[in-house]
Amino acid sequence: MVNLVIWALLLPYLTKRRVNAFQEELVNRHYDEVETMYRKMRGWRHDYHNHIQVLKAYLAQGQHAQAAGYLDMLEQDLTQVDTVIKTGNMMVDAILNSKLTLMKERKIRVDATALVPKELKVSQTDLAVLVGNLLDNAMEACEKVAEEERFVRIYMDVLKGQFYLCVTNSMKGRAKQVGGLFSSTKSREHGFGLTQVKSLVEKYSGYLNMQTEDGVFAVEVGIPLSVAQKSLSR
């Protein structure tokens, strides 16, 4: 009995520590992905002068076909580092575009519309965890289906005085619901990610809605623009 009481007292603490460790690992992974993208951008800019000199040399020699081919090569290279989505929030831009690059590499069709209001009272770290985790979940689910069936739809904007985020993705079968959350077939960490999303939504007095049907999973998040944060220690 004593052991059960001790365990009951320690369980919330141990769970919180594990969730916090997961959040830290998730943020670090996102920063690594963003840094890789920005490193590519810096490298391209550094080589910009050299590219211009090559093109001038081709044109000076009348080698127009070679110049055109060189431009095609640069265009293809630039598409790999170009920021394709601008939300108005630098952190979300970085996370979102790094994930879109990964989705493109994994043959996932993406339809994204994203705007983050300046008045949103959410910390940059929390925003990174929220957006990054939902996109990771969507990407991992898509990888379990055939390439021609892979899709992710992302929508962020202001709706009825709230920051509204919806991520819809293809998946294999239907997600299973356990304790009010949907579990993943990939790993226990996936479940911790959804738990952290739920905690963040509660922290900002928002709402979380998850729906599934055969082959599709959708998550909706709504966070009031001006609400004060709640404490996560309760």
C-alpha atoms as a PDB file:
ATOM      1  CA  MET A   1       0.000   0.000   0.000  1.00  0.00           C
ATOM      2  CA  VAL A   2       2.830   2.374   0.895  1.00  0.00           C
ATOM      3  CA  ASN A   3       4.493   1.681  -2.451  1.00  0.00           C
ATOM      4  CA  LEU A   4       1.242   2.431  -4.271  1.00  0.00           C
ATOM      5  CA  VAL A   5       0.895   5.762  -2.467  1.00  0.00           C
ATOM      6  CA  ILE A   6       4.491   6.705  -3.250  1.00  0.00           C
ATOM      7  CA  TRP A   7       4.033   5.729  -6.876  1.00  0.00           C
ATOM      8  CA  ALA A   8       0.800   7.732  -7.103  1.00  0.00           C
ATOM      9  CA  LEU A   9       2.612  10.784  -5.737  1.00  0.00           C
ATOM     10  CA  LEU A  10       5.626  10.383  -8.008  1.00  0.00           C
ATOM     11  CA  LEU A  11       3.760   9.557 -11.211  1.00  0.00           C
ATOM     12  CA  PRO A  12       2.705  13.153 -12.092  1.00  0.00           C
ATOM     13  CA  TYR A  13       6.261  14.364 -11.467  1.00  0.00           C
ATOM     14  CA  LEU A  14       7.845  11.614 -13.565  1.00  0.00           C
ATOM     15  CA  THR A  15       5.320  12.120 -16.342  1.00  0.00           C
ATOM     16  CA  LYS A  16       5.967  15.866 -16.392  1.00  0.00           C
ATOM     17  CA  ARG A  17       9.732  15.272 -16.550  1.00  0.00           C
ATOM     18  CA  ARG A  18       9.328  12.853 -19.449  1.00  0.00           C
ATOM     19  CA  VAL A  19       7.035  15.224 -21.342  1.00  0.00           C
ATOM     20  CA  ASN A  20       9.428  18.138 -20.781  1.00  0.00           C
ATOM     21  CA  ALA A  21      12.347  16.025 -22.016  1.00  0.00           C
ATOM     22  CA  PHE A  22      10.340  15.126 -25.103  1.00  0.00           C
ATOM     23  CA  GLN A  23       9.531  18.803 -25.715  1.00  0.00           C
ATOM     24  CA  GLU A  24      13.204  19.768 -25.427  1.00  0.00           C
ATOM     25  CA  GLU A  25      14.230  17.008 -27.855  1.00  0.00           C
ATOM     26  CA  LEU A  26      11.518  18.065 -30.285  1.00  0.00           C
ATOM     27  CA  VAL A  27      12.552  21.727 -30.257  1.00  0.00           C
ATOM     28  CA  ASN A  28      16.213  20.805 -30.718  1.00  0.00           C
ATOM     29  CA  ARG A  29      15.319  18.644 -33.717  1.00  0.00           C
ATOM     30  CA  HIS A  30      13.335  21.485 -35.246  1.00  0.00           C
ATOM     31  CA  TYR A  31      16.195  23.911 -34.747  1.00  0.00           C
ATOM     32  CA  ASP A  32      18.546  21.445 -36.451  1.00  0.00           C
ATOM     33  CA  GLU A  33      16.202  21.180 -39.441  1.00  0.00           C
ATOM     34  CA  VAL A  34      15.865  24.955 -39.674  1.00  0.00           C
ATOM     35  CA  GLU A  35      19.612  25.452 -39.365  1.00  0.00           C
ATOM     36  CA  THR A  36      20.162  23.017 -42.258  1.00  0.00           C
ATOM     37  CA  MET A  37      17.750  24.983 -44.428  1.00  0.00           C
ATOM     38  CA  TYR A  38      19.329  28.327 -43.538  1.00  0.00           C
ATOM     39  CA  ARG A  39      22.817  26.936 -44.106  1.00  0.00           C
ATOM     40  CA  LYS A  40      21.791  26.017 -47.644  1.00  0.00           C
ATOM     41  CA  MET A  41      20.420  29.531 -48.144  1.00  0.00           C
ATOM     42  CA  ARG A  42      23.621  31.137 -46.864  1.00  0.00           C
ATOM     43  CA  GLY A  43      25.690  28.898 -49.111  1.00  0.00           C
ATOM     44  CA  TRP A  44      23.669  29.847 -52.171  1.00  0.00           C
ATOM     45  CA  ARG A  45      23.974  33.550 -51.389  1.00  0.00           C
ATOM     46  CA  HIS A  46      27.703  33.172 -50.853  1.00  0.00           C
ATOM     47  CA  ASP A  47      28.046  31.653 -54.333  1.00  0.00           C
ATOM     48  CA  TYR A  48      25.757  34.227 -55.967  1.00  0.00           C
ATOM     49  CA  HIS A  49      28.649  36.376 -57.239  1.00  0.00           C
ATOM     50  CA  ASN A  50      30.343  33.362 -58.817  1.00  0.00           C
ATOM     51  CA  HIS A  51      27.123  32.342 -60.553  1.00  0.00           C
ATOM     52  CA  ILE A  52      26.781  35.829 -62.057  1.00  0.00           C
ATOM     53  CA  GLN A  53      30.351  35.689 -63.380  1.00  0.00           C
ATOM     54  CA  VAL A  54      29.730  32.318 -65.034  1.00  0.00           C
ATOM     55  CA  LEU A  55      26.589  33.619 -66.744  1.00  0.00           C
ATOM     56  CA  LYS A  56      28.400  36.757 -67.946  1.00  0.00           C
ATOM     57  CA  ALA A  57      31.150  34.595 -69.411  1.00  0.00           C
ATOM     58  CA  TYR A  58      28.654  32.406 -71.297  1.00  0.00           C
ATOM     59  CA  LEU A  59      26.853  35.453 -72.682  1.00  0.00           C
ATOM     60  CA  ALA A  60      30.103  37.223 -73.639  1.00  0.00           C
ATOM     61  CA  GLN A  61      31.045  34.167 -75.707  1.00  0.00           C
ATOM     62  CA  GLY A  62      27.613  33.902 -77.280  1.00  0.00           C
ATOM     63  CA  GLN A  63      26.950  30.566 -75.576  1.00  0.00           C
ATOM     64  CA  HIS A  64      23.272  31.206 -74.944  1.00  0.00           C
ATOM     65  CA  ALA A  65      22.287  27.538 -74.674  1.00  0.00           C
ATOM     66  CA  GLN A  66      24.898  26.983 -71.981  1.00  0.00           C
ATOM     67  CA  ALA A  67      23.704  30.096 -70.132  1.00  0.00           C
ATOM     68  CA  ALA A  68      20.114  28.865 -70.285  1.00  0.00           C
ATOM     69  CA  GLY A  69      21.158  25.458 -68.967  1.00  0.00           C
ATOM     70  CA  TYR A  70      23.079  27.084 -66.148  1.00  0.00           C
ATOM     71  CA  LEU A  71      20.023  29.166 -65.216  1.00  0.00           C
ATOM     72  CA  ASP A  72      17.880  26.020 -65.159  1.00  0.00           C
ATOM     73  CA  MET A  73      20.354  24.425 -62.779  1.00  0.00           C
ATOM     74  CA  LEU A  74      20.300  27.468 -60.497  1.00  0.00           C
ATOM     75  CA  GLU A  75      16.513  27.557 -60.534  1.00  0.00           C
ATOM     76  CA  GLN A  76      16.324  23.925 -59.451  1.00  0.00           C
ATOM     77  CA  ASP A  77      18.881  24.532 -56.723  1.00  0.00           C
ATOM     78  CA  LEU A  78      17.066  27.628 -55.460  1.00  0.00           C
ATOM     79  CA  THR A  79      13.738  25.817 -55.113  1.00  0.00           C
ATOM     80  CA  GLN A  80      15.369  23.615 -52.484  1.00  0.00           C
ATOM     81  CA  VAL A  81      16.166  26.582 -50.200  1.00  0.00           C
ATOM     82  CA  ASP A  82      13.539  29.179 -51.065  1.00  0.00           C
ATOM     83  CA  THR A  83      11.097  30.154 -48.319  1.00  0.00           C
ATOM     84  CA  VAL A  84       7.800  29.217 -49.917  1.00  0.00           C
ATOM     85  CA  ILE A  85       5.491  30.192 -47.045  1.00  0.00           C
ATOM     86  CA  LYS A  86       5.550  33.511 -45.171  1.00  0.00           C
ATOM     87  CA  THR A  87       3.216  33.496 -42.181  1.00  0.00           C
ATOM     88  CA  GLY A  88       4.304  36.738 -40.520  1.00  0.00           C
ATOM     89  CA  ASN A  89       6.068  34.836 -37.729  1.00  0.00           C
ATOM     90  CA  MET A  90       9.756  33.995 -38.199  1.00  0.00           C
ATOM     91  CA  MET A  91       9.684  30.892 -35.987  1.00  0.00           C
ATOM     92  CA  VAL A  92       6.663  29.413 -37.744  1.00  0.00           C
ATOM     93  CA  ASP A  93       8.152  30.327 -41.147  1.00  0.00           C
ATOM     94  CA  ALA A  94      11.308  28.421 -40.274  1.00  0.00           C
ATOM     95  CA  ILE A  95       9.529  25.343 -38.884  1.00  0.00           C
ATOM     96  CA  LEU A  96       6.856  25.245 -41.571  1.00  0.00           C
ATOM     97  CA  ASN A  97       9.212  25.615 -44.504  1.00  0.00           C
ATOM     98  CA  SER A  98      11.668  23.054 -43.175  1.00  0.00           C
ATOM     99  CA  LYS A  99       8.794  20.565 -42.842  1.00  0.00           C
ATOM    100  CA  LEU A 100       7.499  21.404 -46.332  1.00  0.00           C
ATOM    101  CA  THR A 101      10.959  20.650 -47.714  1.00  0.00           C
ATOM    102  CA  LEU A 102      10.943  17.253 -45.990  1.00  0.00           C
ATOM    103  CA  MET A 103       7.424  16.510 -47.238  1.00  0.00           C
ATOM    104  CA  LYS A 104       8.454  17.324 -50.799  1.00  0.00           C
ATOM    105  CA  GLU A 105      11.379  14.911 -50.508  1.00  0.00           C
ATOM    106  CA  ARG A 106       8.975  12.215 -49.282  1.00  0.00           C
ATOM    107  CA  LYS A 107       6.534  12.710 -52.184  1.00  0.00           C
ATOM    108  CA  ILE A 108       3.769  14.185 -50.033  1.00  0.00           C
ATOM    109  CA  ARG A 109       1.376  16.596 -51.748  1.00  0.00           C
ATOM    110  CA  VAL A 110       0.925  19.733 -49.665  1.00  0.00           C
ATOM    111  CA  ASP A 111      -1.713  22.447 -49.717  1.00  0.00           C
ATOM    112  CA  ALA A 112      -0.766  25.178 -47.242  1.00  0.00           C
ATOM    113  CA  THR A 113      -2.336  28.507 -46.323  1.00  0.00           C
ATOM    114  CA  ALA A 114      -0.782  30.107 -43.271  1.00  0.00           C
ATOM    115  CA  LEU A 115      -1.002  33.414 -41.415  1.00  0.00           C
ATOM    116  CA  VAL A 116       0.093  33.981 -37.805  1.00  0.00           C
ATOM    117  CA  PRO A 117      -1.284  37.195 -36.230  1.00  0.00           C
ATOM    118  CA  LYS A 118       1.180  39.469 -34.454  1.00  0.00           C
ATOM    119  CA  GLU A 119      -1.131  39.771 -31.446  1.00  0.00           C
ATOM    120  CA  LEU A 120      -0.969  36.036 -30.690  1.00  0.00           C
ATOM    121  CA  LYS A 121       0.220  35.663 -27.068  1.00  0.00           C
ATOM    122  CA  VAL A 122       2.054  32.351 -27.431  1.00  0.00           C
ATOM    123  CA  SER A 123       5.765  31.900 -26.729  1.00  0.00           C
ATOM    124  CA  GLN A 124       7.989  31.093 -29.687  1.00  0.00           C
ATOM    125  CA  THR A 125       9.051  27.804 -28.125  1.00  0.00           C
ATOM    126  CA  ASP A 126       5.466  26.706 -27.510  1.00  0.00           C
ATOM    127  CA  LEU A 127       4.504  27.699 -31.036  1.00  0.00           C
ATOM    128  CA  ALA A 128       7.408  25.681 -32.450  1.00  0.00           C
ATOM    129  CA  VAL A 129       6.407  22.611 -30.439  1.00  0.00           C
ATOM    130  CA  LEU A 130       2.751  22.936 -31.412  1.00  0.00           C
ATOM    131  CA  VAL A 131       3.255  23.413 -35.157  1.00  0.00           C
ATOM    132  CA  GLY A 132       6.261  21.139 -35.484  1.00  0.00           C
ATOM    133  CA  ASN A 133       4.685  18.243 -33.639  1.00  0.00           C
ATOM    134  CA  LEU A 134       1.451  18.332 -35.640  1.00  0.00           C
ATOM    135  CA  LEU A 135       3.375  18.435 -38.920  1.00  0.00           C
ATOM    136  CA  ASP A 136       5.657  15.597 -37.796  1.00  0.00           C
ATOM    137  CA  ASN A 137       2.588  13.504 -36.959  1.00  0.00           C
ATOM    138  CA  ALA A 138       1.048  14.229 -40.353  1.00  0.00           C
ATOM    139  CA  MET A 139       4.261  13.432 -42.214  1.00  0.00           C
ATOM    140  CA  GLU A 140       4.825  10.163 -40.354  1.00  0.00           C
ATOM    141  CA  ALA A 141       1.253   9.040 -41.021  1.00  0.00           C
ATOM    142  CA  CYS A 142       1.605   9.796 -44.743  1.00  0.00           C
ATOM    143  CA  GLU A 143       4.717   7.650 -45.020  1.00  0.00           C
ATOM    144  CA  LYS A 144       2.624   4.570 -44.213  1.00  0.00           C
ATOM    145  CA  VAL A 145       0.482   4.904 -47.355  1.00  0.00           C
ATOM    146  CA  ALA A 146       1.290   4.696 -51.072  1.00  0.00           C
ATOM    147  CA  GLU A 147       2.958   7.775 -52.599  1.00  0.00           C
ATOM    148  CA  GLU A 148      -0.038   8.607 -54.793  1.00  0.00           C
ATOM    149  CA  GLU A 149      -2.273   8.761 -51.690  1.00  0.00           C
ATOM    150  CA  ARG A 150      -0.049  11.019 -49.577  1.00  0.00           C
ATOM    151  CA  PHE A 151      -1.341  14.501 -48.786  1.00  0.00           C
ATOM    152  CA  VAL A 152      -1.197  17.130 -46.052  1.00  0.00           C
ATOM    153  CA  ARG A 153      -3.444  20.192 -45.843  1.00  0.00           C
ATOM    154  CA  ILE A 154      -2.371  23.022 -43.530  1.00  0.00           C
ATOM    155  CA  TYR A 155      -4.470  26.030 -42.647  1.00  0.00           C
ATOM    156  CA  MET A 156      -3.573  28.793 -40.163  1.00  0.00           C
ATOM    157  CA  ASP A 157      -5.431  32.073 -39.756  1.00  0.00           C
ATOM    158  CA  VAL A 158      -7.578  34.148 -37.442  1.00  0.00           C
ATOM    159  CA  LEU A 159     -11.075  32.761 -37.006  1.00  0.00           C
ATOM    160  CA  LYS A 160     -13.666  34.254 -34.639  1.00  0.00           C
ATOM    161  CA  GLY A 161     -11.080  36.012 -32.494  1.00  0.00           C
ATOM    162  CA  GLN A 162      -8.810  32.990 -32.250  1.00  0.00           C
ATOM    163  CA  PHE A 163      -5.666  31.693 -33.868  1.00  0.00           C
ATOM    164  CA  TYR A 164      -6.986  28.705 -35.788  1.00  0.00           C
ATOM    165  CA  LEU A 165      -4.723  25.860 -36.933  1.00  0.00           C
ATOM    166  CA  CYS A 166      -5.938  22.820 -38.849  1.00  0.00           C
ATOM    167  CA  VAL A 167      -3.774  19.976 -40.160  1.00  0.00           C
ATOM    168  CA  THR A 168      -5.382  17.224 -42.236  1.00  0.00           C
ATOM    169  CA  ASN A 169      -3.439  14.270 -43.603  1.00  0.00           C
ATOM    170  CA  SER A 170      -3.807  10.893 -45.224  1.00  0.00           C
ATOM    171  CA  MET A 171      -3.110   7.801 -43.130  1.00  0.00           C
ATOM    172  CA  LYS A 172      -3.456   4.038 -43.146  1.00  0.00           C
ATOM    173  CA  GLY A 173      -6.831   2.992 -41.776  1.00  0.00           C
ATOM    174  CA  ARG A 174      -8.209   4.875 -38.791  1.00  0.00           C
ATOM    175  CA  ALA A 175      -6.451   6.244 -35.719  1.00  0.00           C
ATOM    176  CA  LYS A 176      -7.287   4.582 -32.418  1.00  0.00           C
ATOM    177  CA  GLN A 177      -8.502   6.686 -29.537  1.00  0.00           C
ATOM    178  CA  VAL A 178      -7.046   6.055 -26.078  1.00  0.00           C
ATOM    179  CA  GLY A 179      -7.945   8.190 -23.066  1.00  0.00           C
ATOM    180  CA  GLY A 180      -9.320  11.070 -25.112  1.00  0.00           C
ATOM    181  CA  LEU A 181      -6.294  11.214 -27.444  1.00  0.00           C
ATOM    182  CA  PHE A 182      -5.481   9.348 -30.624  1.00  0.00           C
ATOM    183  CA  SER A 183      -2.565   6.948 -30.458  1.00  0.00           C
ATOM    184  CA  SER A 184       0.092   6.377 -33.099  1.00  0.00           C
ATOM    185  CA  THR A 185       1.219   3.089 -34.564  1.00  0.00           C
ATOM    186  CA  LYS A 186       4.776   4.372 -34.781  1.00  0.00           C
ATOM    187  CA  SER A 187       6.027   4.880 -31.239  1.00  0.00           C
ATOM    188  CA  ARG A 188       5.191   5.961 -27.709  1.00  0.00           C
ATOM    189  CA  GLU A 189       6.923   9.291 -28.389  1.00  0.00           C
ATOM    190  CA  HIS A 190       4.196  10.081 -30.875  1.00  0.00           C
ATOM    191  CA  GLY A 191       1.675   9.787 -28.049  1.00  0.00           C
ATOM    192  CA  PHE A 192       3.742  12.080 -25.853  1.00  0.00           C
ATOM    193  CA  GLY A 193       3.682  14.625 -28.691  1.00  0.00           C
ATOM    194  CA  LEU A 194      -0.106  14.680 -28.716  1.00  0.00           C
ATOM    195  CA  THR A 195      -0.118  14.918 -24.932  1.00  0.00           C
ATOM    196  CA  GLN A 196       2.140  17.946 -25.163  1.00  0.00           C
ATOM    197  CA  VAL A 197      -0.120  19.539 -27.787  1.00  0.00           C
ATOM    198  CA  LYS A 198      -3.069  19.045 -25.439  1.00  0.00           C
ATOM    199  CA  SER A 199      -1.127  20.615 -22.549  1.00  0.00           C
ATOM    200  CA  LEU A 200      -0.134  23.630 -24.656  1.00  0.00           C
ATOM    201  CA  VAL A 201      -3.707  24.166 -25.818  1.00  0.00           C
ATOM    202  CA  GLU A 202      -4.910  24.044 -22.201  1.00  0.00           C
ATOM    203  CA  LYS A 203      -2.114  26.402 -21.163  1.00  0.00           C
ATOM    204  CA  TYR A 204      -3.509  29.074 -23.482  1.00  0.00           C
ATOM    205  CA  SER A 205      -7.192  28.332 -22.749  1.00  0.00           C
ATOM    206  CA  GLY A 206      -7.768  27.014 -26.249  1.00  0.00           C
ATOM    207  CA  TYR A 207      -9.554  24.027 -27.705  1.00  0.00           C
ATOM    208  CA  LEU A 208      -8.342  20.870 -29.408  1.00  0.00           C
ATOM    209  CA  ASN A 209     -10.438  18.743 -31.744  1.00  0.00           C
ATOM    210  CA  MET A 210      -9.213  15.554 -33.418  1.00  0.00           C
ATOM    211  CA  GLN A 211     -11.223  13.563 -35.933  1.00  0.00           C
ATOM    212  CA  THR A 212     -10.499  10.436 -37.937  1.00  0.00           C
ATOM    213  CA  GLU A 213     -12.143   8.408 -40.654  1.00  0.00           C
ATOM    214  CA  ASP A 214     -10.815   5.688 -42.894  1.00  0.00           C
ATOM    215  CA  GLY A 215      -7.662   7.038 -44.537  1.00  0.00           C
ATOM    216  CA  VAL A 216      -7.838  10.565 -43.071  1.00  0.00           C
ATOM    217  CA  PHE A 217      -6.852  12.256 -39.807  1.00  0.00           C
ATOM    218  CA  ALA A 218      -7.527  15.901 -38.887  1.00  0.00           C
ATOM    219  CA  VAL A 219      -6.495  18.096 -35.953  1.00  0.00           C
ATOM    220  CA  GLU A 220      -8.003  21.495 -35.168  1.00  0.00           C
ATOM    221  CA  VAL A 221      -6.517  23.903 -32.629  1.00  0.00           C
ATOM    222  CA  GLY A 222      -8.011  27.209 -31.543  1.00  0.00           C
ATOM    223  CA  ILE A 223      -6.170  29.648 -29.247  1.00  0.00           C
ATOM    224  CA  PRO A 224      -7.670  32.995 -28.154  1.00  0.00           C
ATOM    225  CA  LEU A 225      -5.516  35.907 -29.293  1.00  0.00           C
ATOM    226  CA  SER A 226      -5.399  37.816 -26.017  1.00  0.00           C
ATOM    227  CA  VAL A 227      -5.945  35.248 -23.264  1.00  0.00           C
ATOM    228  CA  ALA A 228      -3.451  34.979 -20.407  1.00  0.00           C
ATOM    229  CA  GLN A 229      -1.457  31.779 -19.988  1.00  0.00           C
ATOM    230  CA  LYS A 230      -2.482  29.171 -17.437  1.00  0.00           C
ATOM    231  CA  SER A 231       0.087  27.437 -15.264  1.00  0.00           C
ATOM    232  CA  LEU A 232       1.049  23.924 -16.358  1.00  0.00           C
ATOM    233  CA  SER A 233       2.029  22.956 -12.817  1.00  0.00           C
ATOM    234  CA  ARG A 234      -1.487  22.307 -11.629  1.00  0.00           C
END
